[in-house]
Amino acid sequence: MTIEAPALDEAFAAVAAESSIGRAATALRENAFAVHVVDTVEQARALVAEILPTDQSVFTASSETLRESGIQADIDESGKYQSVRAAAPAPGTDVYATIRLGATPDVVVGSVHAVTEGGHLVVGSASGSQFAPYASGARRAIWVVGAQKIVPDLETALRRLRTYSLPREHRRLADLYGQSSFIGRILILEREAFPDRGTVILVRETIGF
């Protein structure tokens, strides 16, 4: 079944103003997330390498941010880290078995589709495969987020997800595999329950979608 994506709203591609970045960073910290604000994608990549443990299992959630930045390759291909993906067997017919491999790593690294100035993280997914480690399965979570994903509130975050992130993913899958995409599940992270668990790296550049 082909699912048509909504029209692409290019307004959500613009990097947020410095005042908006500051409000989001402050609110995230108030919601018990550790926050780093960096100027460039390369700085974010270096920071992930600096804080990521080499003696614990690490799962890279599917993310254009990680792929475009080189962080995914750093983790899964360098041999430096205990990569869940690198150690996983070739995908088989049991999709759920593949999903479960990344459900409970020590550390998950990924991104989100929107960050609100109220300090909330919003993620959309077709299957929800990254939700388990994002929400609670991983002992530690690191999200790398381009500043174009910062929005005023949850209503705008959901609109960004549906009218920007989804159409971009729809086009990516169509170009690569001739298939469509859809939103099957949405995760909203409002506050971190465990000290030092969640880290958000905000990048003052566009990365991912």
Protein backbone atom coordinates (compact mmCIF):
# COMPACT_ATOMS: atom_id res chain seq x y z
CA MET A 1 0.00 0.00 0.00
CA THR A 2 1.36 3.40 -0.99
CA ILE A 3 0.98 6.16 1.59
CA GLU A 4 1.16 9.74 0.38
CA ALA A 5 3.21 12.09 2.53
CA PRO A 6 1.99 15.64 3.17
CA ALA A 7 3.55 18.58 1.36
CA LEU A 8 6.98 19.61 2.57
CA ASP A 9 7.07 22.77 4.72
CA GLU A 10 10.52 24.22 4.07
CA ALA A 11 10.10 26.75 6.89
CA PHE A 12 11.17 24.02 9.30
CA ALA A 13 14.58 23.77 7.61
CA ALA A 14 15.74 27.10 9.06
CA VAL A 15 18.18 27.11 11.99
CA ALA A 16 16.59 28.54 15.13
CA ALA A 17 17.63 31.93 16.47
CA GLU A 18 20.22 32.04 19.22
CA SER A 19 17.57 33.15 21.71
CA SER A 20 15.48 30.07 20.88
CA ILE A 21 18.49 27.79 21.27
CA GLY A 22 19.17 29.35 24.66
CA ARG A 23 15.59 28.86 25.86
CA ALA A 24 15.57 25.23 24.74
CA ALA A 25 18.92 24.52 26.42
CA THR A 26 17.79 26.11 29.69
CA ALA A 27 14.49 24.22 29.72
CA LEU A 28 16.17 20.91 28.90
CA ARG A 29 18.51 21.37 31.85
CA GLU A 30 15.55 22.20 34.08
CA ASN A 31 13.99 18.93 32.89
CA ALA A 32 17.09 17.02 34.08
CA PHE A 33 18.82 16.54 30.73
CA ALA A 34 22.53 17.28 30.38
CA VAL A 35 22.95 19.78 27.54
CA HIS A 36 25.89 20.77 25.36
CA VAL A 37 25.59 23.52 22.74
CA VAL A 38 28.24 23.40 20.00
CA ASP A 39 28.81 25.47 16.89
CA THR A 40 29.49 22.80 14.29
CA VAL A 41 28.69 19.22 13.36
CA GLU A 42 32.38 18.33 13.65
CA GLN A 43 32.40 19.61 17.23
CA ALA A 44 29.36 17.46 18.00
CA ARG A 45 31.13 14.46 16.47
CA ALA A 46 34.22 15.08 18.57
CA LEU A 47 32.14 15.51 21.72
CA VAL A 48 30.34 12.20 21.18
CA ALA A 49 33.73 10.50 20.77
CA GLU A 50 34.88 12.15 24.00
CA ILE A 51 31.93 11.14 26.19
CA LEU A 52 31.06 7.75 24.69
CA PRO A 53 32.39 4.79 26.73
CA THR A 54 34.45 2.13 24.98
CA ASP A 55 33.73 -0.61 27.51
CA GLN A 56 29.92 -0.67 27.22
CA SER A 57 27.50 -1.75 24.52
CA VAL A 58 26.44 1.08 22.20
CA PHE A 59 23.46 1.07 19.84
CA THR A 60 23.13 3.61 17.03
CA ALA A 61 19.47 4.36 16.35
CA SER A 62 18.56 4.84 12.69
CA SER A 63 19.23 8.52 12.10
CA GLU A 64 20.19 10.72 9.17
CA THR A 65 21.91 13.00 11.69
CA LEU A 66 24.26 10.20 12.73
CA ARG A 67 24.85 9.10 9.14
CA GLU A 68 25.49 12.58 7.74
CA SER A 69 27.76 13.60 10.62
CA GLY A 70 29.92 10.47 10.46
CA ILE A 71 29.02 9.53 14.03
CA GLN A 72 27.33 6.31 12.93
CA ALA A 73 30.45 5.17 11.08
CA ASP A 74 32.65 6.18 14.03
CA ILE A 75 30.66 3.90 16.32
CA ASP A 76 29.75 0.99 14.06
CA GLU A 77 32.79 0.74 11.81
CA SER A 78 35.86 1.97 13.70
CA GLY A 79 36.20 -1.03 16.01
CA LYS A 80 36.74 1.35 18.93
CA TYR A 81 33.33 0.78 20.49
CA GLN A 82 31.23 -2.22 21.48
CA SER A 83 28.75 -1.61 18.69
CA VAL A 84 25.50 -3.57 18.87
CA ARG A 85 24.99 -3.18 15.13
CA ALA A 86 28.50 -4.30 14.24
CA ALA A 87 28.14 -7.43 16.36
CA ALA A 88 24.63 -8.28 15.15
CA PRO A 89 24.03 -11.14 12.72
CA ALA A 90 22.79 -10.39 9.23
CA PRO A 91 19.11 -9.39 9.24
CA GLY A 92 16.80 -12.35 8.80
CA THR A 93 13.10 -12.85 8.33
CA ASP A 94 12.32 -12.23 12.01
CA VAL A 95 11.96 -8.45 12.10
CA TYR A 96 11.16 -8.45 15.82
CA ALA A 97 14.39 -10.26 16.63
CA THR A 98 16.31 -7.51 14.84
CA ILE A 99 14.40 -4.81 16.72
CA ARG A 100 15.07 -6.47 20.07
CA LEU A 101 18.82 -6.37 19.50
CA GLY A 102 18.82 -2.63 20.14
CA ALA A 103 16.23 -2.54 22.91
CA THR A 104 18.51 -2.64 25.96
CA PRO A 105 22.03 -1.41 25.22
CA ASP A 106 24.14 0.31 27.83
CA VAL A 107 24.14 3.43 25.65
CA VAL A 108 21.94 4.54 22.75
CA VAL A 109 23.04 7.31 20.39
CA GLY A 110 20.55 8.94 18.05
CA SER A 111 18.56 12.07 17.32
CA VAL A 112 15.03 13.44 17.55
CA HIS A 113 12.69 15.23 15.15
CA ALA A 114 11.97 18.25 17.33
CA VAL A 115 13.06 19.98 20.53
CA THR A 116 10.72 22.48 22.14
CA GLU A 117 11.66 25.65 23.95
CA GLY A 118 9.90 24.04 26.91
CA GLY A 119 12.54 21.32 27.03
CA HIS A 120 10.67 18.41 25.41
CA LEU A 121 12.03 15.95 22.85
CA VAL A 122 9.72 14.62 20.13
CA VAL A 123 10.43 11.55 17.99
CA GLY A 124 8.31 9.95 15.29
CA SER A 125 8.74 6.45 13.92
CA ALA A 126 7.00 3.93 11.70
CA SER A 127 7.77 0.89 13.89
CA GLY A 128 8.93 2.52 17.13
CA SER A 129 12.11 0.42 17.10
CA GLN A 130 14.21 3.17 18.71
CA PHE A 131 11.65 3.98 21.40
CA ALA A 132 12.62 1.24 23.86
CA PRO A 133 16.23 2.40 24.38
CA TYR A 134 15.26 6.08 24.09
CA ALA A 135 12.57 5.85 26.78
CA SER A 136 14.15 3.51 29.33
CA GLY A 137 15.91 0.48 27.84
CA ALA A 138 19.33 2.10 27.65
CA ARG A 139 21.13 3.13 30.80
CA ARG A 140 22.31 6.24 28.98
CA ALA A 141 21.02 8.14 25.94
CA ILE A 142 22.82 10.69 23.77
CA TRP A 143 20.87 12.73 21.20
CA VAL A 144 22.60 14.90 18.60
CA VAL A 145 20.21 17.56 17.32
CA GLY A 146 20.57 20.25 14.67
CA ALA A 147 19.26 23.67 15.69
CA GLN A 148 16.73 23.67 12.84
CA LYS A 149 14.73 21.20 14.95
CA ILE A 150 14.09 23.67 17.77
CA VAL A 151 10.48 24.90 17.85
CA PRO A 152 8.39 26.96 20.29
CA ASP A 153 6.02 24.26 21.61
CA LEU A 154 4.67 20.73 21.29
CA GLU A 155 1.99 21.70 18.79
CA THR A 156 4.65 23.08 16.47
CA ALA A 157 6.88 20.08 17.14
CA LEU A 158 4.17 17.70 15.96
CA ARG A 159 3.52 19.87 12.91
CA ARG A 160 7.24 19.81 12.10
CA LEU A 161 7.27 16.03 12.42
CA ARG A 162 4.35 15.61 10.03
CA THR A 163 5.10 18.33 7.48
CA TYR A 164 8.90 18.27 7.36
CA SER A 165 10.52 15.16 8.84
CA LEU A 166 7.96 12.75 7.38
CA PRO A 167 8.05 14.15 3.82
CA ARG A 168 11.87 14.15 3.90
CA GLU A 169 11.97 10.52 5.06
CA HIS A 170 9.28 9.62 2.54
CA ARG A 171 11.42 11.03 -0.29
CA ARG A 172 14.58 9.36 1.02
CA LEU A 173 12.97 5.91 1.11
CA ALA A 174 11.32 6.43 -2.26
CA ASP A 175 14.65 7.33 -3.85
CA LEU A 176 16.56 4.47 -2.23
CA TYR A 177 14.03 1.65 -2.12
CA GLY A 178 10.93 2.77 -3.98
CA GLN A 179 8.82 2.64 -0.84
CA SER A 180 6.91 5.14 1.28
CA SER A 181 7.07 6.07 4.93
CA PHE A 182 4.53 6.88 7.62
CA ILE A 183 4.28 7.79 11.29
CA GLY A 184 3.11 4.82 13.32
CA ARG A 185 4.20 6.00 16.75
CA ILE A 186 5.25 9.21 18.47
CA LEU A 187 7.41 9.46 21.59
CA ILE A 188 7.54 12.60 23.72
CA LEU A 189 10.27 12.83 26.35
CA GLU A 190 9.23 15.52 28.80
CA ARG A 191 11.66 14.99 31.64
CA GLU A 192 14.54 12.69 32.53
CA ALA A 193 13.87 10.53 35.59
CA PHE A 194 17.45 9.40 36.24
CA PRO A 195 20.38 11.75 36.92
CA ASP A 196 22.97 11.91 34.12
CA ARG A 197 21.02 9.53 31.88
CA GLY A 198 20.00 11.79 29.00
CA THR A 199 22.40 14.04 27.13
CA VAL A 200 21.32 16.44 24.37
CA ILE A 201 23.93 17.93 22.06
CA LEU A 202 22.47 20.96 20.27
CA VAL A 203 24.32 21.97 17.11
CA ARG A 204 24.11 25.50 15.73
CA GLU A 205 24.00 24.05 12.22
CA THR A 206 21.56 22.11 10.10
CA ILE A 207 22.02 18.34 10.33
CA GLY A 208 19.49 15.61 9.65
CA PHE A 209 15.77 16.25 9.39
